[in-house]
Amino acid sequence: QVQLVESGGGLVQPGGSLRLSCTVSGSIFSLSATGWYRQAPGKQRELVAAISVSRTTNYADSVKGRFTISRDNAKKTVTLEMNSLKPEDTAVYYCNLRSPVSNKWNYWGQGTQVTVSS
């Protein structure tokens, strides 16, 4: 059974930094594309950053230059480093794990709250 466990959310002041981690159980991590999404109150869930099996990365325009996604296949972990945080980054952040082709699998974590406020 595949489970995604997120950690690292919290309250931070504007301009601050946080690191989100997502650890995956099961054996499909290295075969999967993975990424982080977020959902703010009253808004749709949106892609924040993604990283492919070959480690190609993709970022939302709103976080380019501030966030960095990385993966460690040996530890089955995907990490999102968030710097220069803004109040508009406030949201629940979700880890995602999916098959790179044919939509064979698509898993979500439970979400972790990130609040940017003074």
N, C-alpha and C. Protein backbone atom coordinates (compact mmCIF):
# COMPACT_ATOMS: atom_id res chain seq x y z
N GLN A 1 0.85 -1.18 0.00
CA GLN A 1 0.00 0.00 0.00
C GLN A 1 0.89 1.24 0.00
N VAL A 2 0.52 2.22 -0.80
CA VAL A 2 1.29 3.44 -0.92
C VAL A 2 0.71 4.50 0.01
N GLN A 3 1.57 5.09 0.83
CA GLN A 3 1.16 6.18 1.70
C GLN A 3 2.16 7.32 1.57
N LEU A 4 1.65 8.54 1.59
CA LEU A 4 2.47 9.74 1.52
C LEU A 4 2.30 10.49 2.83
N VAL A 5 3.40 10.74 3.51
CA VAL A 5 3.36 11.43 4.79
C VAL A 5 4.15 12.73 4.68
N GLU A 6 3.44 13.84 4.86
CA GLU A 6 4.06 15.16 4.73
C GLU A 6 4.44 15.71 6.10
N SER A 7 5.45 16.55 6.10
CA SER A 7 5.86 17.22 7.32
C SER A 7 6.51 18.55 6.97
N GLY A 8 6.60 19.43 7.97
CA GLY A 8 7.34 20.66 7.78
C GLY A 8 6.53 21.92 7.66
N GLY A 9 5.22 21.81 7.65
CA GLY A 9 4.42 23.03 7.58
C GLY A 9 4.46 23.80 8.88
N GLY A 10 3.84 24.98 8.87
CA GLY A 10 3.80 25.78 10.08
C GLY A 10 3.54 27.23 9.79
N LEU A 11 3.80 28.04 10.81
CA LEU A 11 3.61 29.49 10.72
C LEU A 11 4.97 30.16 10.56
N VAL A 12 5.06 31.05 9.59
CA VAL A 12 6.31 31.76 9.34
C VAL A 12 5.99 33.19 8.97
N GLN A 13 6.91 34.08 9.28
CA GLN A 13 6.72 35.48 8.92
C GLN A 13 7.05 35.71 7.45
N PRO A 14 6.48 36.75 6.87
CA PRO A 14 6.84 37.08 5.48
C PRO A 14 8.35 37.25 5.33
N GLY A 15 8.87 36.70 4.23
CA GLY A 15 10.30 36.71 4.01
C GLY A 15 11.02 35.52 4.59
N GLY A 16 10.33 34.73 5.37
CA GLY A 16 10.94 33.57 6.00
C GLY A 16 11.00 32.36 5.09
N SER A 17 11.45 31.24 5.67
CA SER A 17 11.65 30.02 4.90
C SER A 17 11.02 28.83 5.63
N LEU A 18 10.63 27.86 4.85
CA LEU A 18 10.16 26.57 5.37
C LEU A 18 10.61 25.47 4.43
N ARG A 19 10.72 24.27 4.98
CA ARG A 19 11.03 23.10 4.17
C ARG A 19 9.94 22.07 4.39
N LEU A 20 9.30 21.67 3.31
CA LEU A 20 8.31 20.60 3.35
C LEU A 20 8.93 19.31 2.85
N SER A 21 8.61 18.23 3.55
CA SER A 21 9.08 16.91 3.12
C SER A 21 7.91 15.95 2.99
N CYS A 22 8.03 15.04 2.06
CA CYS A 22 7.01 14.02 1.85
C CYS A 22 7.74 12.69 1.69
N THR A 23 7.46 11.77 2.60
CA THR A 23 8.06 10.45 2.55
C THR A 23 7.03 9.43 2.12
N VAL A 24 7.42 8.58 1.20
CA VAL A 24 6.49 7.66 0.55
C VAL A 24 6.81 6.22 0.94
N SER A 25 5.80 5.49 1.32
CA SER A 25 5.97 4.06 1.56
C SER A 25 5.69 3.31 0.27
N GLY A 26 6.15 2.06 0.19
CA GLY A 26 5.94 1.30 -1.02
C GLY A 26 7.13 1.37 -1.94
N SER A 27 7.03 0.75 -3.09
CA SER A 27 8.19 0.54 -3.95
C SER A 27 8.14 1.31 -5.27
N ILE A 28 7.18 2.21 -5.42
CA ILE A 28 7.02 2.84 -6.72
C ILE A 28 7.60 4.25 -6.79
N PHE A 29 8.23 4.72 -5.72
CA PHE A 29 8.66 6.12 -5.71
C PHE A 29 9.60 6.42 -6.87
N SER A 30 10.60 5.62 -7.08
CA SER A 30 11.58 5.92 -8.13
C SER A 30 10.98 5.84 -9.53
N LEU A 31 9.83 5.21 -9.66
CA LEU A 31 9.16 5.08 -10.96
C LEU A 31 8.15 6.20 -11.20
N SER A 32 8.01 7.07 -10.22
CA SER A 32 6.91 8.04 -10.24
C SER A 32 7.39 9.47 -10.44
N ALA A 33 6.54 10.24 -11.11
CA ALA A 33 6.67 11.69 -11.05
C ALA A 33 6.08 12.15 -9.72
N THR A 34 6.60 13.21 -9.20
CA THR A 34 6.10 13.67 -7.91
C THR A 34 6.10 15.19 -7.86
N GLY A 35 5.34 15.73 -6.92
CA GLY A 35 5.28 17.18 -6.85
C GLY A 35 4.47 17.66 -5.68
N TRP A 36 4.36 18.97 -5.59
CA TRP A 36 3.60 19.64 -4.54
C TRP A 36 2.53 20.52 -5.16
N TYR A 37 1.36 20.43 -4.58
CA TYR A 37 0.23 21.29 -4.94
C TYR A 37 -0.18 22.06 -3.68
N ARG A 38 -0.96 23.09 -3.89
CA ARG A 38 -1.49 23.82 -2.73
C ARG A 38 -2.91 24.28 -3.02
N GLN A 39 -3.63 24.46 -1.92
CA GLN A 39 -5.01 24.94 -2.03
C GLN A 39 -5.26 25.95 -0.93
N ALA A 40 -5.56 27.15 -1.33
CA ALA A 40 -5.91 28.21 -0.39
C ALA A 40 -7.42 28.24 -0.22
N PRO A 41 -7.92 28.78 0.88
CA PRO A 41 -9.37 28.83 1.11
C PRO A 41 -10.09 29.51 -0.04
N GLY A 42 -11.11 28.84 -0.54
CA GLY A 42 -11.92 29.41 -1.61
C GLY A 42 -11.31 29.34 -2.99
N LYS A 43 -10.16 28.67 -3.09
CA LYS A 43 -9.49 28.57 -4.38
C LYS A 43 -9.31 27.12 -4.78
N GLN A 44 -9.04 26.92 -6.07
CA GLN A 44 -8.78 25.57 -6.56
C GLN A 44 -7.36 25.13 -6.21
N ARG A 45 -7.19 23.83 -6.12
CA ARG A 45 -5.86 23.29 -5.91
C ARG A 45 -5.01 23.60 -7.15
N GLU A 46 -3.76 24.01 -6.92
CA GLU A 46 -2.89 24.37 -8.02
C GLU A 46 -1.52 23.73 -7.86
N LEU A 47 -0.88 23.48 -8.98
CA LEU A 47 0.47 22.95 -8.97
C LEU A 47 1.44 24.02 -8.48
N VAL A 48 2.31 23.63 -7.56
CA VAL A 48 3.38 24.51 -7.09
C VAL A 48 4.69 24.15 -7.77
N ALA A 49 5.05 22.88 -7.69
CA ALA A 49 6.30 22.42 -8.29
C ALA A 49 6.20 20.93 -8.52
N ALA A 50 6.87 20.47 -9.57
CA ALA A 50 6.88 19.06 -9.89
C ALA A 50 8.27 18.64 -10.32
N ILE A 51 8.56 17.35 -10.13
CA ILE A 51 9.85 16.81 -10.56
C ILE A 51 9.60 15.43 -11.16
N SER A 52 10.17 15.22 -12.32
CA SER A 52 9.92 13.98 -13.06
C SER A 52 10.88 12.88 -12.61
N VAL A 53 10.68 11.71 -13.19
CA VAL A 53 11.58 10.58 -12.92
C VAL A 53 13.02 10.95 -13.29
N SER A 54 13.18 11.69 -14.37
CA SER A 54 14.52 12.09 -14.82
C SER A 54 14.99 13.39 -14.15
N ARG A 55 14.21 13.85 -13.16
CA ARG A 55 14.55 15.03 -12.35
C ARG A 55 14.38 16.36 -13.08
N THR A 56 13.61 16.35 -14.14
CA THR A 56 13.20 17.62 -14.75
C THR A 56 12.21 18.30 -13.82
N THR A 57 12.40 19.59 -13.60
CA THR A 57 11.53 20.31 -12.68
C THR A 57 10.63 21.30 -13.41
N ASN A 58 9.50 21.60 -12.76
CA ASN A 58 8.53 22.53 -13.31
C ASN A 58 7.95 23.31 -12.15
N TYR A 59 7.86 24.63 -12.29
CA TYR A 59 7.38 25.48 -11.20
C TYR A 59 6.26 26.39 -11.67
N ALA A 60 5.35 26.68 -10.76
CA ALA A 60 4.38 27.73 -11.02
C ALA A 60 5.13 29.06 -11.12
N ASP A 61 4.64 29.94 -11.98
CA ASP A 61 5.32 31.22 -12.16
C ASP A 61 5.43 31.99 -10.84
N SER A 62 4.44 31.83 -10.00
CA SER A 62 4.39 32.60 -8.75
C SER A 62 5.48 32.19 -7.74
N VAL A 63 6.10 31.04 -7.96
CA VAL A 63 7.11 30.58 -6.99
C VAL A 63 8.50 30.44 -7.60
N LYS A 64 8.63 30.69 -8.89
CA LYS A 64 9.93 30.56 -9.55
C LYS A 64 10.95 31.49 -8.90
N GLY A 65 12.12 30.93 -8.64
CA GLY A 65 13.17 31.71 -8.00
C GLY A 65 13.10 31.72 -6.49
N ARG A 66 11.99 31.24 -5.92
CA ARG A 66 11.84 31.23 -4.47
C ARG A 66 11.76 29.81 -3.91
N PHE A 67 11.16 28.90 -4.67
CA PHE A 67 10.97 27.52 -4.22
C PHE A 67 11.87 26.58 -5.01
N THR A 68 12.31 25.51 -4.36
CA THR A 68 13.11 24.49 -5.03
C THR A 68 12.60 23.12 -4.64
N ILE A 69 12.33 22.30 -5.64
CA ILE A 69 11.89 20.93 -5.40
C ILE A 69 13.04 19.98 -5.69
N SER A 70 13.13 18.94 -4.88
CA SER A 70 14.16 17.92 -5.08
C SER A 70 13.62 16.57 -4.65
N ARG A 71 14.26 15.52 -5.09
CA ARG A 71 13.84 14.18 -4.71
C ARG A 71 15.06 13.34 -4.35
N ASP A 72 14.84 12.40 -3.43
CA ASP A 72 15.85 11.45 -3.02
C ASP A 72 15.23 10.06 -3.14
N ASN A 73 15.58 9.36 -4.20
CA ASN A 73 14.94 8.07 -4.45
C ASN A 73 15.33 7.04 -3.39
N ALA A 74 16.54 7.12 -2.87
CA ALA A 74 16.96 6.17 -1.84
C ALA A 74 16.14 6.33 -0.57
N LYS A 75 15.79 7.56 -0.22
CA LYS A 75 14.99 7.83 0.98
C LYS A 75 13.50 7.91 0.66
N LYS A 76 13.14 7.81 -0.62
CA LYS A 76 11.74 7.90 -1.05
C LYS A 76 11.11 9.19 -0.54
N THR A 77 11.81 10.27 -0.75
CA THR A 77 11.39 11.56 -0.21
C THR A 77 11.44 12.63 -1.28
N VAL A 78 10.44 13.49 -1.29
CA VAL A 78 10.44 14.69 -2.11
C VAL A 78 10.37 15.89 -1.17
N THR A 79 11.20 16.88 -1.45
CA THR A 79 11.34 18.03 -0.56
C THR A 79 11.05 19.32 -1.32
N LEU A 80 10.39 20.25 -0.66
CA LEU A 80 10.13 21.57 -1.23
C LEU A 80 10.75 22.60 -0.30
N GLU A 81 11.78 23.23 -0.77
CA GLU A 81 12.41 24.34 -0.04
C GLU A 81 11.72 25.63 -0.45
N MET A 82 11.19 26.35 0.53
CA MET A 82 10.43 27.56 0.25
C MET A 82 11.12 28.75 0.92
N ASN A 83 11.54 29.68 0.13
CA ASN A 83 12.22 30.87 0.63
C ASN A 83 11.44 32.13 0.24
N SER A 84 11.77 33.22 0.90
CA SER A 84 11.11 34.50 0.62
C SER A 84 9.60 34.35 0.59
N LEU A 85 9.08 33.71 1.59
CA LEU A 85 7.65 33.42 1.63
C LEU A 85 6.82 34.68 1.73
N LYS A 86 5.66 34.63 1.09
CA LYS A 86 4.73 35.75 1.03
C LYS A 86 3.40 35.33 1.63
N PRO A 87 2.62 36.27 2.10
CA PRO A 87 1.29 35.91 2.63
C PRO A 87 0.45 35.13 1.62
N GLU A 88 0.61 35.41 0.36
CA GLU A 88 -0.18 34.69 -0.65
C GLU A 88 0.27 33.25 -0.85
N ASP A 89 1.35 32.85 -0.21
CA ASP A 89 1.76 31.44 -0.22
C ASP A 89 0.99 30.62 0.82
N THR A 90 0.21 31.28 1.64
CA THR A 90 -0.57 30.59 2.66
C THR A 90 -1.57 29.64 2.01
N ALA A 91 -1.50 28.39 2.41
CA ALA A 91 -2.37 27.36 1.83
C ALA A 91 -2.09 26.03 2.52
N VAL A 92 -2.92 25.06 2.21
CA VAL A 92 -2.59 23.67 2.55
C VAL A 92 -1.81 23.10 1.39
N TYR A 93 -0.66 22.53 1.70
CA TYR A 93 0.22 21.98 0.67
C TYR A 93 0.09 20.45 0.67
N TYR A 94 -0.07 19.92 -0.54
CA TYR A 94 -0.27 18.48 -0.71
C TYR A 94 0.84 17.87 -1.56
N CYS A 95 1.33 16.76 -1.12
CA CYS A 95 2.29 15.98 -1.89
C CYS A 95 1.53 15.07 -2.85
N ASN A 96 2.06 14.91 -4.04
CA ASN A 96 1.43 14.06 -5.05
C ASN A 96 2.45 13.10 -5.64
N LEU A 97 1.99 11.89 -5.94
CA LEU A 97 2.83 10.86 -6.57
C LEU A 97 2.02 10.23 -7.68
N ARG A 98 2.54 10.24 -8.89
CA ARG A 98 1.72 9.71 -9.99
C ARG A 98 2.61 8.99 -11.00
N SER A 99 1.96 8.14 -11.77
CA SER A 99 2.69 7.44 -12.82
C SER A 99 3.06 8.46 -13.91
N PRO A 100 4.22 8.30 -14.53
CA PRO A 100 4.64 9.26 -15.54
C PRO A 100 3.86 9.16 -16.85
N VAL A 101 3.24 8.01 -17.06
CA VAL A 101 2.44 7.84 -18.27
C VAL A 101 1.16 7.08 -17.92
N SER A 102 0.14 7.25 -18.72
CA SER A 102 -1.08 6.44 -18.70
C SER A 102 -1.89 6.53 -17.42
N ASN A 103 -1.54 7.45 -16.54
CA ASN A 103 -2.34 7.67 -15.33
C ASN A 103 -2.65 6.37 -14.59
N LYS A 104 -1.65 5.52 -14.47
CA LYS A 104 -1.87 4.23 -13.82
C LYS A 104 -2.02 4.37 -12.32
N TRP A 105 -1.37 5.35 -11.72
CA TRP A 105 -1.54 5.58 -10.30
C TRP A 105 -1.41 7.08 -10.01
N ASN A 106 -2.08 7.50 -8.96
CA ASN A 106 -2.11 8.90 -8.58
C ASN A 106 -2.46 8.96 -7.09
N TYR A 107 -1.49 9.29 -6.26
CA TYR A 107 -1.68 9.30 -4.82
C TYR A 107 -1.44 10.69 -4.25
N TRP A 108 -2.14 10.96 -3.15
CA TRP A 108 -2.04 12.26 -2.47
C TRP A 108 -1.74 12.06 -0.99
N GLY A 109 -0.99 13.02 -0.46
CA GLY A 109 -0.81 13.07 0.97
C GLY A 109 -2.00 13.75 1.63
N GLN A 110 -1.93 13.82 2.96
CA GLN A 110 -3.05 14.37 3.72
C GLN A 110 -3.04 15.89 3.77
N GLY A 111 -1.94 16.49 3.40
CA GLY A 111 -1.82 17.95 3.40
C GLY A 111 -1.16 18.48 4.65
N THR A 112 -0.45 19.58 4.49
CA THR A 112 0.18 20.26 5.62
C THR A 112 -0.04 21.76 5.46
N GLN A 113 -0.41 22.41 6.56
CA GLN A 113 -0.75 23.83 6.51
C GLN A 113 0.50 24.68 6.53
N VAL A 114 0.56 25.63 5.62
CA VAL A 114 1.60 26.66 5.63
C VAL A 114 0.91 28.01 5.76
N THR A 115 1.28 28.75 6.79
CA THR A 115 0.70 30.06 7.02
C THR A 115 1.82 31.08 7.07
N VAL A 116 1.71 32.10 6.22
CA VAL A 116 2.71 33.17 6.18
C VAL A 116 2.03 34.44 6.66
N SER A 117 2.43 34.87 7.84
CA SER A 117 1.76 36.02 8.47
C SER A 117 2.67 36.64 9.50
N SER A 118 2.53 37.95 9.64
CA SER A 118 3.28 38.65 10.67
C SER A 118 2.46 38.79 11.94
